[in-house]
Amino acid sequence: MDLSNKNTAKNLEAAFGGESMANRKYLFFAEVAKELGFKDLSKLFKATANQETEHAFAHFRLIHPELVVTDASKLSEEEKKKIVSRCLELAIEGETYEYTTMYPEFAQQAQIDRDETAQAEFEEQQAESKEHASIFRKAAQNFGFLSSIENHHANQYTEALESLDGKEAPVKAVSDDPQTRKWICRQCSMIYDPVVGDPDSGIVAGTIFEDIPEDWHCPICGAQKKLFVPYKE
């Protein structure tokens, strides 16, 4: 679908928001009806909420066709990772907007209006959105770590296969420069790259392995720093 028309794109976003809101609203109504003993009415609200979800999904597929999966079996692992990475990207974007802009502005307005209850609610949600964004960033980072691990394993298998054909293994060596020297976890094969660092663990980009605190652990398997060895490439 051509979304070059900004009005159509804007309307789809509004429709997605409306259907999403209706879903949560009807689920809330279902809980109220259930608490009051109206079981059939509660079921009706839940059924309608599910329908609203399908409507919202239909709109979202038009907004983000790059996320539509028709047959996962026909996708390569790289294509699958690209899709879920995009999902994480959008999730991080949304949560970041909530804790940096939306909730702070809402809380400020509630303070002006002297509505302490609403202010407390907005501030609590701001903190939760920040936590969610951090979790999604960690997941996205782990995808990056896992990609390097899988690449390492793939290279090992390729070299093993080539050796069976009589080919000599390529010469590998550890970098002489601490700024570029990578280290690999002996437990899970996670590769620490000083150029990238491990920001989610407080290790900023450019930190050589020797300067990482001794209590640092592998972000993938939790192995201690001492289980890492210089990586030959």
Protein backbone atom coordinates (compact mmCIF):
# COMPACT_ATOMS: atom_id res chain seq x y z
CA MET A 1 0.00 0.00 0.00
CA ASP A 2 1.25 3.47 -0.89
CA LEU A 3 1.59 5.56 2.26
CA SER A 4 3.20 8.52 0.53
CA ASN A 5 -0.05 10.38 1.17
CA LYS A 6 0.56 11.89 4.61
CA ASN A 7 -3.15 12.21 5.37
CA THR A 8 -3.76 8.50 4.84
CA ALA A 9 -0.74 7.61 6.96
CA LYS A 10 -1.95 9.96 9.70
CA ASN A 11 -5.45 8.48 9.56
CA LEU A 12 -4.09 4.94 9.83
CA GLU A 13 -2.10 5.93 12.91
CA ALA A 14 -5.24 7.48 14.42
CA ALA A 15 -7.31 4.40 13.57
CA PHE A 16 -4.68 2.12 15.11
CA GLY A 17 -4.69 4.24 18.26
CA GLY A 18 -8.47 4.24 18.43
CA GLU A 19 -8.82 0.48 18.00
CA SER A 20 -6.02 -0.15 20.50
CA MET A 21 -7.68 2.10 23.04
CA ALA A 22 -11.02 0.37 22.49
CA ASN A 23 -9.38 -3.00 23.15
CA ARG A 24 -8.02 -1.94 26.54
CA LYS A 25 -11.22 -0.09 27.43
CA TYR A 26 -13.40 -3.14 26.72
CA LEU A 27 -11.07 -5.37 28.71
CA PHE A 28 -11.46 -2.96 31.61
CA PHE A 29 -15.24 -3.08 31.20
CA ALA A 30 -15.04 -6.88 31.16
CA GLU A 31 -13.27 -6.85 34.54
CA VAL A 32 -15.88 -4.48 35.98
CA ALA A 33 -18.75 -6.63 34.70
CA LYS A 34 -17.07 -9.76 36.08
CA GLU A 35 -16.62 -8.20 39.54
CA LEU A 36 -20.30 -7.21 39.55
CA GLY A 37 -21.42 -10.72 38.64
CA PHE A 38 -22.43 -10.08 35.01
CA LYS A 39 -20.49 -12.99 33.47
CA ASP A 40 -22.22 -12.97 30.08
CA LEU A 41 -21.65 -9.24 29.69
CA SER A 42 -18.02 -9.72 30.69
CA LYS A 43 -17.62 -12.33 27.94
CA LEU A 44 -19.21 -9.96 25.43
CA PHE A 45 -16.75 -7.19 26.29
CA LYS A 46 -13.80 -9.62 26.01
CA ALA A 47 -14.98 -10.95 22.65
CA THR A 48 -15.38 -7.41 21.32
CA ALA A 49 -11.95 -6.48 22.68
CA ASN A 50 -10.42 -9.34 20.68
CA GLN A 51 -12.13 -8.07 17.53
CA GLU A 52 -10.77 -4.57 18.15
CA THR A 53 -7.29 -6.11 18.45
CA GLU A 54 -7.64 -7.68 15.01
CA HIS A 55 -8.75 -4.32 13.61
CA ALA A 56 -5.72 -2.63 15.19
CA PHE A 57 -3.40 -5.32 13.81
CA ALA A 58 -4.81 -4.80 10.32
CA HIS A 59 -4.07 -1.07 10.51
CA PHE A 60 -0.59 -1.68 11.92
CA ARG A 61 0.27 -4.07 9.10
CA LEU A 62 -0.50 -1.30 6.63
CA ILE A 63 1.60 1.18 8.60
CA HIS A 64 4.53 -1.23 8.89
CA PRO A 65 4.50 -3.67 5.97
CA GLU A 66 8.13 -4.55 6.75
CA LEU A 67 6.85 -6.44 9.81
CA VAL A 68 4.31 -8.58 7.98
CA VAL A 69 5.21 -12.28 8.06
CA THR A 70 3.29 -14.50 5.66
CA ASP A 71 5.47 -17.61 5.74
CA ALA A 72 8.29 -17.69 8.31
CA SER A 73 9.63 -20.94 6.86
CA LYS A 74 10.69 -19.08 3.72
CA LEU A 75 12.70 -16.47 5.63
CA SER A 76 16.42 -16.73 6.32
CA GLU A 77 17.70 -16.28 9.86
CA GLU A 78 19.07 -12.89 8.82
CA GLU A 79 15.64 -11.80 7.53
CA LYS A 80 13.97 -12.99 10.74
CA LYS A 81 16.43 -11.04 12.87
CA LYS A 82 15.90 -7.95 10.74
CA ILE A 83 12.17 -8.08 11.45
CA VAL A 84 12.45 -8.59 15.20
CA SER A 85 15.20 -5.96 15.36
CA ARG A 86 12.77 -3.51 13.77
CA CYS A 87 10.17 -4.47 16.39
CA LEU A 88 12.69 -3.71 19.15
CA GLU A 89 13.61 -0.45 17.46
CA LEU A 90 9.98 0.69 17.43
CA ALA A 91 9.49 -0.45 21.02
CA ILE A 92 12.54 1.51 22.20
CA GLU A 93 11.36 4.55 20.25
CA GLY A 94 7.91 4.44 21.86
CA GLU A 95 9.08 3.88 25.42
CA THR A 96 11.78 6.55 25.10
CA TYR A 97 9.21 9.09 23.94
CA GLU A 98 7.01 8.20 26.91
CA TYR A 99 9.66 8.69 29.60
CA THR A 100 11.49 11.65 28.03
CA THR A 101 8.57 13.67 26.72
CA MET A 102 5.02 12.47 27.25
CA TYR A 103 4.89 11.58 30.94
CA PRO A 104 7.17 14.42 32.12
CA GLU A 105 4.89 16.92 30.35
CA PHE A 106 1.77 15.24 31.75
CA ALA A 107 3.22 15.21 35.28
CA GLN A 108 4.18 18.89 35.00
CA GLN A 109 0.66 19.80 33.92
CA ALA A 110 -0.85 17.74 36.74
CA GLN A 111 1.39 19.62 39.18
CA ILE A 112 0.16 22.93 37.79
CA ASP A 113 -3.41 21.66 38.14
CA ARG A 114 -2.60 20.53 41.70
CA ASP A 115 -3.75 17.01 40.94
CA GLU A 116 -1.35 15.00 43.09
CA THR A 117 -2.94 11.65 42.24
CA ALA A 118 -2.54 12.14 38.50
CA GLN A 119 0.97 13.52 38.97
CA ALA A 120 2.00 10.46 40.97
CA GLU A 121 0.49 8.17 38.32
CA PHE A 122 2.32 9.93 35.48
CA GLU A 123 5.63 9.88 37.36
CA GLU A 124 5.23 6.17 38.11
CA GLN A 125 4.50 5.43 34.46
CA GLN A 126 7.49 7.56 33.43
CA ALA A 127 9.76 5.37 35.55
CA GLU A 128 8.23 2.17 34.14
CA SER A 129 8.58 3.40 30.56
CA LYS A 130 12.25 4.15 31.21
CA GLU A 131 12.71 0.63 32.59
CA HIS A 132 10.93 -0.90 29.59
CA ALA A 133 13.10 1.08 27.18
CA SER A 134 16.20 -0.19 28.99
CA ILE A 135 14.98 -3.78 28.74
CA PHE A 136 14.29 -3.43 25.02
CA ARG A 137 17.72 -1.84 24.45
CA LYS A 138 19.32 -4.76 26.29
CA ALA A 139 17.42 -7.21 24.10
CA ALA A 140 18.51 -5.34 20.98
CA GLN A 141 22.11 -5.34 22.18
CA ASN A 142 21.94 -9.06 22.86
CA PHE A 143 20.80 -9.60 19.28
CA GLY A 144 24.00 -7.87 18.22
CA PHE A 145 26.08 -10.03 20.56
CA LEU A 146 24.33 -13.19 19.39
CA SER A 147 24.93 -12.29 15.75
CA SER A 148 28.68 -12.07 16.37
CA ILE A 149 28.57 -15.38 18.23
CA GLU A 150 26.77 -17.10 15.37
CA ASN A 151 29.17 -15.58 12.88
CA HIS A 152 32.07 -16.94 14.93
CA HIS A 153 30.53 -20.41 14.99
CA ALA A 154 29.76 -20.28 11.27
CA ASN A 155 33.39 -19.40 10.53
CA GLN A 156 34.58 -22.30 12.67
CA TYR A 157 32.33 -24.75 10.84
CA THR A 158 33.41 -23.37 7.48
CA GLU A 159 37.08 -23.79 8.37
CA ALA A 160 36.44 -27.30 9.62
CA LEU A 161 34.67 -28.19 6.39
CA GLU A 162 37.47 -26.70 4.29
CA SER A 163 40.08 -28.63 6.27
CA LEU A 164 38.30 -31.84 5.31
CA ASP A 165 38.85 -30.82 1.70
CA GLY A 166 42.55 -30.40 2.35
CA LYS A 167 42.58 -26.61 2.59
CA GLU A 168 44.86 -24.96 5.09
CA ALA A 169 43.23 -22.99 7.87
CA PRO A 170 43.75 -19.23 7.65
CA VAL A 171 46.37 -17.75 9.94
CA LYS A 172 44.82 -15.94 12.88
CA ALA A 173 46.31 -13.73 15.55
CA VAL A 174 45.35 -11.59 18.50
CA SER A 175 45.44 -7.85 17.85
CA ASP A 176 48.47 -6.07 19.31
CA ASP A 177 46.39 -2.95 19.94
CA PRO A 178 44.36 -3.05 23.21
CA GLN A 179 41.95 -0.52 21.65
CA THR A 180 40.89 -3.04 19.00
CA ARG A 181 41.75 -6.35 20.71
CA LYS A 182 38.61 -8.44 21.12
CA TRP A 183 38.00 -10.98 23.86
CA ILE A 184 35.81 -14.07 23.69
CA CYS A 185 33.85 -15.81 26.44
CA ARG A 186 34.95 -19.43 26.77
CA GLN A 187 31.51 -20.35 28.05
CA CYS A 188 29.17 -18.96 25.37
CA SER A 189 31.49 -17.41 22.73
CA MET A 190 30.20 -13.86 23.29
CA ILE A 191 32.80 -11.50 21.81
CA TYR A 192 33.67 -8.29 23.65
CA ASP A 193 34.68 -5.53 21.25
CA PRO A 194 36.31 -2.51 22.97
CA VAL A 195 35.19 -0.28 20.10
CA VAL A 196 31.56 -1.02 21.02
CA GLY A 197 31.89 -1.67 24.75
CA ASP A 198 28.91 -2.88 26.79
CA PRO A 199 26.86 0.28 27.44
CA ASP A 200 23.99 -1.54 29.16
CA SER A 201 26.46 -2.82 31.75
CA GLY A 202 28.03 0.61 32.18
CA ILE A 203 31.04 -0.14 29.96
CA VAL A 204 31.28 2.77 27.52
CA ALA A 205 32.51 2.42 23.95
CA GLY A 206 36.30 2.60 23.75
CA THR A 207 36.91 0.75 27.02
CA ILE A 208 39.71 -1.79 26.63
CA PHE A 209 39.08 -5.16 28.23
CA GLU A 210 41.79 -4.69 30.86
CA ASP A 211 40.00 -1.60 32.20
CA ILE A 212 36.66 -3.38 32.71
CA PRO A 213 35.86 -3.84 36.44
CA GLU A 214 36.62 -7.33 37.73
CA ASP A 215 33.00 -7.81 38.85
CA TRP A 216 31.75 -7.42 35.27
CA HIS A 217 29.95 -10.45 33.84
CA CYS A 218 29.24 -11.70 30.34
CA PRO A 219 25.95 -10.04 29.26
CA ILE A 220 24.83 -13.25 27.55
CA CYS A 221 25.62 -16.12 29.95
CA GLY A 222 26.77 -14.32 33.11
CA ALA A 223 30.28 -15.78 33.06
CA GLN A 224 32.95 -13.98 35.07
CA LYS A 225 35.47 -11.72 33.37
CA LYS A 226 38.25 -14.23 34.02
CA LEU A 227 36.57 -16.69 31.64
CA PHE A 228 37.32 -14.43 28.68
CA VAL A 229 40.40 -14.98 26.52
CA PRO A 230 41.93 -12.88 23.69
CA TYR A 231 40.11 -13.47 20.41
CA LYS A 232 42.11 -14.57 17.39
CA GLU A 233 40.89 -13.32 14.02
